[in-house]
Amino acid sequence: MALSDEVSLLSAGQLDRIWQTPSLKAFVVTAQNLDLPRECAVPQASAERRFPLVAMTEKKAHEVRVLAHVAAHLAYQHSLQMVVDLGSGKGYLSDALAVGYSLRVLGIDSAASNTSGALSRHALIARLMNLKRYGDMAPSSSLVS
């Protein structure tokens, strides 16, 4: 029997093997209780949203679109108007939240090179989207390194 099959049986409480210790059984029960519901808790993203999905791969654009939608949904659900993007890197998610969802975003990254690249990317996006300045993406959006 493959290990994945054994884990499935263990999680269903049907595996009675020597390695099924009380602590492992307790761990599996705890993990099952922490499991999130499988139905979609976040409504579908609107196709009308404008996203600054430039200067990134198709895979990265998909990741940013999905994560921005989830983060914005959570922000709206809790009446938040500002989001802190820790480890913001090149600012992909920050831009999507600011432009696509009109949230204020504080992007923080430890690498000055990432912050510099993000600022250059913000300027490009502002030009492409006909924004007068970066602050027009959303009020008080900024980056710090």
N, C-alpha and C. Protein backbone atom coordinates (compact mmCIF):
# COMPACT_ATOMS: atom_id res chain seq x y z
N MET A 1 0.86 -1.18 0.00
CA MET A 1 0.00 0.00 0.00
C MET A 1 0.90 1.24 0.00
N ALA A 2 0.56 2.20 -0.84
CA ALA A 2 1.34 3.43 -0.95
C ALA A 2 1.13 4.29 0.29
N LEU A 3 2.13 5.10 0.59
CA LEU A 3 2.07 5.98 1.76
C LEU A 3 0.87 6.92 1.68
N SER A 4 0.59 7.46 0.49
CA SER A 4 -0.55 8.38 0.35
C SER A 4 -1.87 7.67 0.68
N ASP A 5 -1.96 6.39 0.32
CA ASP A 5 -3.17 5.62 0.65
C ASP A 5 -3.27 5.42 2.16
N GLU A 6 -2.12 5.17 2.80
CA GLU A 6 -2.12 4.98 4.24
C GLU A 6 -2.53 6.27 4.95
N VAL A 7 -2.04 7.41 4.46
CA VAL A 7 -2.39 8.70 5.07
C VAL A 7 -3.88 8.95 4.91
N SER A 8 -4.44 8.63 3.74
CA SER A 8 -5.89 8.79 3.53
C SER A 8 -6.68 7.93 4.49
N LEU A 9 -6.25 6.69 4.67
CA LEU A 9 -6.93 5.80 5.61
C LEU A 9 -6.79 6.30 7.04
N LEU A 10 -5.60 6.80 7.36
CA LEU A 10 -5.36 7.33 8.71
C LEU A 10 -6.27 8.51 8.99
N SER A 11 -6.37 9.42 8.02
CA SER A 11 -7.20 10.61 8.24
C SER A 11 -8.67 10.24 8.36
N ALA A 12 -9.06 9.13 7.76
CA ALA A 12 -10.45 8.65 7.89
C ALA A 12 -10.63 7.81 9.15
N GLY A 13 -9.54 7.61 9.91
CA GLY A 13 -9.61 6.82 11.13
C GLY A 13 -9.69 5.33 10.89
N GLN A 14 -9.30 4.88 9.69
CA GLN A 14 -9.44 3.47 9.34
C GLN A 14 -8.12 2.71 9.32
N LEU A 15 -7.02 3.38 9.59
CA LEU A 15 -5.72 2.71 9.51
C LEU A 15 -5.29 2.30 10.91
N ASP A 16 -5.04 1.04 11.08
CA ASP A 16 -4.62 0.55 12.39
C ASP A 16 -3.26 -0.11 12.22
N ARG A 17 -2.24 0.73 12.12
CA ARG A 17 -0.88 0.23 11.91
C ARG A 17 -0.03 0.57 13.11
N ILE A 18 1.13 -0.01 13.15
CA ILE A 18 2.02 0.18 14.30
C ILE A 18 2.47 1.63 14.46
N TRP A 19 2.54 2.39 13.35
CA TRP A 19 3.02 3.77 13.45
C TRP A 19 1.91 4.74 13.81
N GLN A 20 0.70 4.26 14.03
CA GLN A 20 -0.41 5.12 14.43
C GLN A 20 -0.37 5.27 15.95
N THR A 21 0.38 6.25 16.39
CA THR A 21 0.52 6.51 17.82
C THR A 21 -0.61 7.43 18.28
N PRO A 22 -0.85 7.50 19.58
CA PRO A 22 -1.90 8.41 20.07
C PRO A 22 -1.62 9.88 19.69
N SER A 23 -0.34 10.27 19.71
CA SER A 23 -0.04 11.66 19.36
C SER A 23 -0.30 11.93 17.88
N LEU A 24 -0.02 10.95 17.01
CA LEU A 24 -0.30 11.12 15.58
C LEU A 24 -1.80 11.18 15.35
N LYS A 25 -2.53 10.33 16.04
CA LYS A 25 -3.98 10.33 15.90
C LYS A 25 -4.56 11.67 16.36
N ALA A 26 -4.06 12.20 17.47
CA ALA A 26 -4.51 13.50 17.97
C ALA A 26 -4.17 14.61 16.98
N PHE A 27 -2.99 14.52 16.36
CA PHE A 27 -2.60 15.51 15.36
C PHE A 27 -3.55 15.50 14.16
N VAL A 28 -3.88 14.31 13.68
CA VAL A 28 -4.77 14.19 12.52
C VAL A 28 -6.15 14.74 12.86
N VAL A 29 -6.66 14.43 14.04
CA VAL A 29 -7.97 14.94 14.45
C VAL A 29 -7.93 16.47 14.53
N THR A 30 -6.88 17.03 15.10
CA THR A 30 -6.73 18.49 15.19
C THR A 30 -6.66 19.10 13.80
N ALA A 31 -5.89 18.50 12.92
CA ALA A 31 -5.76 19.01 11.55
C ALA A 31 -7.11 18.98 10.83
N GLN A 32 -7.87 17.92 11.03
CA GLN A 32 -9.19 17.83 10.40
C GLN A 32 -10.12 18.91 10.93
N ASN A 33 -10.03 19.22 12.22
CA ASN A 33 -10.88 20.25 12.80
C ASN A 33 -10.50 21.65 12.31
N LEU A 34 -9.25 21.83 11.90
CA LEU A 34 -8.80 23.13 11.41
C LEU A 34 -9.04 23.29 9.91
N ASP A 35 -9.43 22.23 9.24
CA ASP A 35 -9.64 22.25 7.80
C ASP A 35 -10.71 23.26 7.43
N LEU A 36 -10.43 24.07 6.42
CA LEU A 36 -11.39 25.08 5.96
C LEU A 36 -12.46 24.43 5.09
N PRO A 37 -13.64 25.02 5.07
CA PRO A 37 -14.68 24.47 4.20
C PRO A 37 -14.24 24.49 2.74
N ARG A 38 -14.68 23.54 1.98
CA ARG A 38 -14.24 23.41 0.59
C ARG A 38 -15.07 24.25 -0.37
N GLU A 39 -16.22 24.76 0.07
CA GLU A 39 -16.99 25.60 -0.83
C GLU A 39 -16.29 26.95 -0.98
N CYS A 40 -16.57 27.64 -2.05
CA CYS A 40 -15.91 28.90 -2.34
C CYS A 40 -16.46 29.99 -1.42
N ALA A 41 -15.64 30.47 -0.50
CA ALA A 41 -16.07 31.49 0.45
C ALA A 41 -15.90 32.89 -0.12
N VAL A 42 -15.16 33.01 -1.21
CA VAL A 42 -14.90 34.32 -1.81
C VAL A 42 -15.67 34.40 -3.12
N PRO A 43 -16.49 35.45 -3.30
CA PRO A 43 -17.22 35.56 -4.56
C PRO A 43 -16.28 35.69 -5.75
N GLN A 44 -16.77 35.34 -6.91
CA GLN A 44 -15.95 35.42 -8.12
C GLN A 44 -15.51 36.85 -8.39
N ALA A 45 -14.32 37.00 -8.93
CA ALA A 45 -13.80 38.32 -9.28
C ALA A 45 -14.56 38.88 -10.47
N SER A 46 -14.76 40.17 -10.44
CA SER A 46 -15.43 40.84 -11.55
C SER A 46 -14.48 40.95 -12.73
N ALA A 47 -14.97 40.68 -13.91
CA ALA A 47 -14.14 40.81 -15.12
C ALA A 47 -13.91 42.28 -15.46
N GLU A 48 -14.65 43.17 -14.80
CA GLU A 48 -14.54 44.59 -15.10
C GLU A 48 -13.34 45.25 -14.42
N ARG A 49 -12.73 44.59 -13.48
CA ARG A 49 -11.61 45.18 -12.74
C ARG A 49 -10.44 45.45 -13.68
N ARG A 50 -9.80 46.59 -13.48
CA ARG A 50 -8.59 46.92 -14.23
C ARG A 50 -7.39 46.53 -13.37
N PHE A 51 -6.55 45.67 -13.89
CA PHE A 51 -5.37 45.25 -13.16
C PHE A 51 -4.12 45.65 -13.93
N PRO A 52 -3.11 46.11 -13.22
CA PRO A 52 -1.85 46.44 -13.87
C PRO A 52 -0.98 45.20 -14.04
N LEU A 53 -1.41 44.28 -14.87
CA LEU A 53 -0.70 43.01 -15.03
C LEU A 53 0.33 43.11 -16.14
N VAL A 54 1.26 44.04 -15.98
CA VAL A 54 2.32 44.24 -16.96
C VAL A 54 3.65 43.85 -16.34
N ALA A 55 4.60 43.53 -17.19
CA ALA A 55 5.96 43.18 -16.76
C ALA A 55 5.97 41.98 -15.82
N MET A 56 5.11 40.97 -16.12
CA MET A 56 5.13 39.73 -15.35
C MET A 56 4.66 38.59 -16.25
N THR A 57 5.02 37.38 -15.86
CA THR A 57 4.63 36.22 -16.65
C THR A 57 3.12 35.97 -16.52
N GLU A 58 2.60 35.15 -17.41
CA GLU A 58 1.18 34.81 -17.34
C GLU A 58 0.86 34.10 -16.03
N LYS A 59 1.77 33.24 -15.57
CA LYS A 59 1.57 32.52 -14.31
C LYS A 59 1.52 33.50 -13.15
N LYS A 60 2.46 34.44 -13.10
CA LYS A 60 2.50 35.44 -12.03
C LYS A 60 1.25 36.31 -12.09
N ALA A 61 0.80 36.68 -13.29
CA ALA A 61 -0.41 37.50 -13.44
C ALA A 61 -1.62 36.76 -12.85
N HIS A 62 -1.71 35.47 -13.12
CA HIS A 62 -2.81 34.67 -12.57
C HIS A 62 -2.74 34.65 -11.04
N GLU A 63 -1.55 34.40 -10.50
CA GLU A 63 -1.38 34.37 -9.04
C GLU A 63 -1.77 35.70 -8.41
N VAL A 64 -1.33 36.80 -9.01
CA VAL A 64 -1.62 38.13 -8.48
C VAL A 64 -3.12 38.41 -8.55
N ARG A 65 -3.74 38.08 -9.66
CA ARG A 65 -5.18 38.31 -9.83
C ARG A 65 -5.97 37.57 -8.75
N VAL A 66 -5.64 36.31 -8.53
CA VAL A 66 -6.38 35.49 -7.55
C VAL A 66 -6.12 35.99 -6.13
N LEU A 67 -4.86 36.21 -5.77
CA LEU A 67 -4.54 36.64 -4.41
C LEU A 67 -5.08 38.04 -4.13
N ALA A 68 -5.04 38.92 -5.11
CA ALA A 68 -5.59 40.27 -4.92
C ALA A 68 -7.08 40.19 -4.65
N HIS A 69 -7.76 39.32 -5.37
CA HIS A 69 -9.20 39.17 -5.17
C HIS A 69 -9.50 38.67 -3.75
N VAL A 70 -8.77 37.67 -3.29
CA VAL A 70 -8.99 37.13 -1.95
C VAL A 70 -8.65 38.19 -0.89
N ALA A 71 -7.51 38.86 -1.04
CA ALA A 71 -7.10 39.88 -0.06
C ALA A 71 -8.10 41.03 -0.02
N ALA A 72 -8.57 41.47 -1.18
CA ALA A 72 -9.54 42.57 -1.23
C ALA A 72 -10.86 42.14 -0.60
N HIS A 73 -11.29 40.91 -0.88
CA HIS A 73 -12.53 40.42 -0.29
C HIS A 73 -12.43 40.44 1.23
N LEU A 74 -11.30 39.98 1.77
CA LEU A 74 -11.12 39.99 3.22
C LEU A 74 -11.08 41.42 3.77
N ALA A 75 -10.41 42.31 3.04
CA ALA A 75 -10.34 43.71 3.47
C ALA A 75 -11.74 44.32 3.51
N TYR A 76 -12.53 44.10 2.47
CA TYR A 76 -13.89 44.65 2.42
C TYR A 76 -14.77 44.03 3.50
N GLN A 77 -14.60 42.73 3.70
CA GLN A 77 -15.41 42.00 4.69
C GLN A 77 -15.19 42.57 6.09
N HIS A 78 -13.97 43.06 6.35
CA HIS A 78 -13.64 43.59 7.67
C HIS A 78 -13.57 45.12 7.68
N SER A 79 -14.13 45.73 6.65
CA SER A 79 -14.20 47.20 6.52
C SER A 79 -12.83 47.87 6.61
N LEU A 80 -11.83 47.24 6.02
CA LEU A 80 -10.48 47.81 6.01
C LEU A 80 -10.31 48.63 4.74
N GLN A 81 -9.59 49.73 4.86
CA GLN A 81 -9.32 50.55 3.69
C GLN A 81 -7.84 50.54 3.34
N MET A 82 -7.02 49.95 4.22
CA MET A 82 -5.58 49.91 3.97
C MET A 82 -5.07 48.49 4.20
N VAL A 83 -4.15 48.09 3.34
CA VAL A 83 -3.55 46.77 3.41
C VAL A 83 -2.05 46.94 3.51
N VAL A 84 -1.39 46.13 4.33
CA VAL A 84 0.07 46.13 4.40
C VAL A 84 0.55 44.88 3.67
N ASP A 85 1.38 45.08 2.66
CA ASP A 85 1.93 43.99 1.86
C ASP A 85 3.36 43.75 2.33
N LEU A 86 3.51 42.82 3.28
CA LEU A 86 4.85 42.51 3.81
C LEU A 86 5.58 41.61 2.83
N GLY A 87 6.83 41.98 2.54
CA GLY A 87 7.59 41.23 1.55
C GLY A 87 7.05 41.50 0.16
N SER A 88 6.78 42.76 -0.11
CA SER A 88 6.07 43.15 -1.34
C SER A 88 6.85 42.92 -2.62
N GLY A 89 8.15 42.69 -2.51
CA GLY A 89 8.94 42.40 -3.71
C GLY A 89 8.84 43.50 -4.74
N LYS A 90 8.42 43.13 -5.94
CA LYS A 90 8.34 44.11 -7.03
C LYS A 90 7.01 44.85 -7.06
N GLY A 91 6.16 44.62 -6.06
CA GLY A 91 4.93 45.38 -5.92
C GLY A 91 3.77 44.91 -6.77
N TYR A 92 3.82 43.70 -7.28
CA TYR A 92 2.74 43.20 -8.14
C TYR A 92 1.39 43.20 -7.40
N LEU A 93 1.38 42.60 -6.21
CA LEU A 93 0.14 42.51 -5.44
C LEU A 93 -0.30 43.90 -4.97
N SER A 94 0.65 44.71 -4.53
CA SER A 94 0.33 46.07 -4.08
C SER A 94 -0.38 46.85 -5.19
N ASP A 95 0.16 46.78 -6.40
CA ASP A 95 -0.44 47.48 -7.54
C ASP A 95 -1.85 46.97 -7.84
N ALA A 96 -2.01 45.65 -7.80
CA ALA A 96 -3.32 45.07 -8.11
C ALA A 96 -4.36 45.51 -7.07
N LEU A 97 -3.96 45.57 -5.81
CA LEU A 97 -4.90 46.00 -4.77
C LEU A 97 -5.21 47.49 -4.88
N ALA A 98 -4.19 48.28 -5.20
CA ALA A 98 -4.38 49.73 -5.31
C ALA A 98 -5.20 50.10 -6.53
N VAL A 99 -4.85 49.55 -7.68
CA VAL A 99 -5.54 49.91 -8.92
C VAL A 99 -6.85 49.15 -9.08
N GLY A 100 -6.82 47.85 -8.88
CA GLY A 100 -7.99 47.03 -9.14
C GLY A 100 -9.07 47.13 -8.08
N TYR A 101 -8.68 47.45 -6.84
CA TYR A 101 -9.65 47.45 -5.75
C TYR A 101 -9.69 48.75 -4.97
N SER A 102 -8.94 49.75 -5.40
CA SER A 102 -8.92 51.07 -4.77
C SER A 102 -8.63 51.02 -3.27
N LEU A 103 -7.75 50.11 -2.89
CA LEU A 103 -7.31 50.03 -1.49
C LEU A 103 -6.02 50.82 -1.33
N ARG A 104 -5.83 51.39 -0.17
CA ARG A 104 -4.52 51.98 0.13
C ARG A 104 -3.61 50.83 0.51
N VAL A 105 -2.38 50.87 0.02
CA VAL A 105 -1.45 49.76 0.24
C VAL A 105 -0.11 50.31 0.72
N LEU A 106 0.41 49.69 1.75
CA LEU A 106 1.76 49.99 2.22
C LEU A 106 2.59 48.75 1.91
N GLY A 107 3.48 48.86 0.92
CA GLY A 107 4.34 47.75 0.54
C GLY A 107 5.65 47.84 1.28
N ILE A 108 6.04 46.76 1.94
CA ILE A 108 7.29 46.73 2.72
C ILE A 108 8.14 45.57 2.24
N ASP A 109 9.40 45.87 1.91
CA ASP A 109 10.32 44.82 1.49
C ASP A 109 11.69 45.14 2.06
N SER A 110 12.44 44.13 2.44
CA SER A 110 13.75 44.35 3.06
C SER A 110 14.84 44.66 2.03
N ALA A 111 14.59 44.33 0.77
CA ALA A 111 15.61 44.55 -0.27
C ALA A 111 15.36 45.88 -0.99
N ALA A 112 16.33 46.78 -0.88
CA ALA A 112 16.21 48.08 -1.54
C ALA A 112 16.06 47.92 -3.06
N SER A 113 16.69 46.88 -3.62
CA SER A 113 16.59 46.67 -5.07
C SER A 113 15.15 46.34 -5.47
N ASN A 114 14.43 45.59 -4.63
CA ASN A 114 13.02 45.30 -4.92
C ASN A 114 12.19 46.57 -4.87
N THR A 115 12.43 47.40 -3.85
CA THR A 115 11.68 48.65 -3.71
C THR A 115 11.96 49.56 -4.89
N SER A 116 13.21 49.65 -5.30
CA SER A 116 13.57 50.48 -6.45
C SER A 116 12.88 49.97 -7.72
N GLY A 117 12.89 48.66 -7.91
CA GLY A 117 12.23 48.06 -9.06
C GLY A 117 10.73 48.28 -9.01
N ALA A 118 10.15 48.20 -7.82
CA ALA A 118 8.71 48.42 -7.68
C ALA A 118 8.35 49.86 -8.01
N LEU A 119 9.16 50.81 -7.57
CA LEU A 119 8.89 52.21 -7.86
C LEU A 119 8.96 52.47 -9.37
N SER A 120 9.93 51.87 -10.04
CA SER A 120 10.04 52.01 -11.49
C SER A 120 8.82 51.40 -12.17
N ARG A 121 8.38 50.26 -11.68
CA ARG A 121 7.21 49.59 -12.24
C ARG A 121 5.96 50.43 -12.00
N HIS A 122 5.85 51.04 -10.82
CA HIS A 122 4.70 51.92 -10.53
C HIS A 122 4.64 53.07 -11.52
N ALA A 123 5.79 53.66 -11.82
CA ALA A 123 5.83 54.77 -12.77
C ALA A 123 5.37 54.30 -14.15
N LEU A 124 5.81 53.11 -14.57
CA LEU A 124 5.39 52.55 -15.85
C LEU A 124 3.88 52.34 -15.87
N ILE A 125 3.34 51.77 -14.81
CA ILE A 125 1.90 51.51 -14.73
C ILE A 125 1.12 52.82 -14.77
N ALA A 126 1.60 53.82 -14.04
CA ALA A 126 0.93 55.13 -14.03
C ALA A 126 0.86 55.70 -15.45
N ARG A 127 1.97 55.58 -16.20
CA ARG A 127 1.98 56.07 -17.59
C ARG A 127 1.02 55.26 -18.46
N LEU A 128 1.06 53.94 -18.34
CA LEU A 128 0.23 53.07 -19.17
C LEU A 128 -1.26 53.25 -18.88
N MET A 129 -1.58 53.55 -17.63
CA MET A 129 -2.99 53.68 -17.25
C MET A 129 -3.43 55.13 -17.19
N ASN A 130 -2.60 56.02 -17.73
CA ASN A 130 -2.92 57.44 -17.79
C ASN A 130 -3.22 58.05 -16.42
N LEU A 131 -2.45 57.64 -15.43
CA LEU A 131 -2.59 58.24 -14.11
C LEU A 131 -1.58 59.37 -14.01
N LYS A 132 -1.95 60.45 -13.39
CA LYS A 132 -1.05 61.60 -13.31
C LYS A 132 0.15 61.31 -12.41
N ARG A 133 -0.07 60.54 -11.39
CA ARG A 133 1.03 60.20 -10.48
C ARG A 133 0.69 58.88 -9.80
N TYR A 134 1.68 58.28 -9.14
CA TYR A 134 1.47 56.99 -8.48
C TYR A 134 0.35 57.06 -7.46
N GLY A 135 0.23 58.16 -6.74
CA GLY A 135 -0.78 58.30 -5.70
C GLY A 135 -2.20 58.21 -6.24
N ASP A 136 -2.39 58.37 -7.56
CA ASP A 136 -3.72 58.27 -8.13
C ASP A 136 -4.21 56.82 -8.17
N MET A 137 -3.31 55.87 -7.97
CA MET A 137 -3.74 54.47 -7.97
C MET A 137 -4.70 54.23 -6.82
N ALA A 138 -4.36 54.73 -5.68
CA ALA A 138 -5.22 54.67 -4.49
C ALA A 138 -4.62 55.66 -3.52
N PRO A 139 -5.42 56.32 -2.71
CA PRO A 139 -4.88 57.30 -1.77
C PRO A 139 -3.87 56.68 -0.83
N SER A 140 -2.77 57.33 -0.63
CA SER A 140 -1.74 56.94 0.34
C SER A 140 -1.07 55.61 0.06
N SER A 141 -1.04 55.17 -1.19
CA SER A 141 -0.30 53.95 -1.51
C SER A 141 1.18 54.29 -1.52
N SER A 142 1.99 53.44 -0.92
CA SER A 142 3.41 53.73 -0.86
C SER A 142 4.21 52.45 -0.66
N LEU A 143 5.50 52.59 -0.85
CA LEU A 143 6.43 51.48 -0.67
C LEU A 143 7.53 51.89 0.28
N VAL A 144 7.99 50.98 1.09
CA VAL A 144 9.10 51.23 1.99
C VAL A 144 10.07 50.08 1.93
N SER A 145 11.34 50.39 2.07
CA SER A 145 12.32 49.29 2.14
C SER A 145 13.09 49.40 3.43
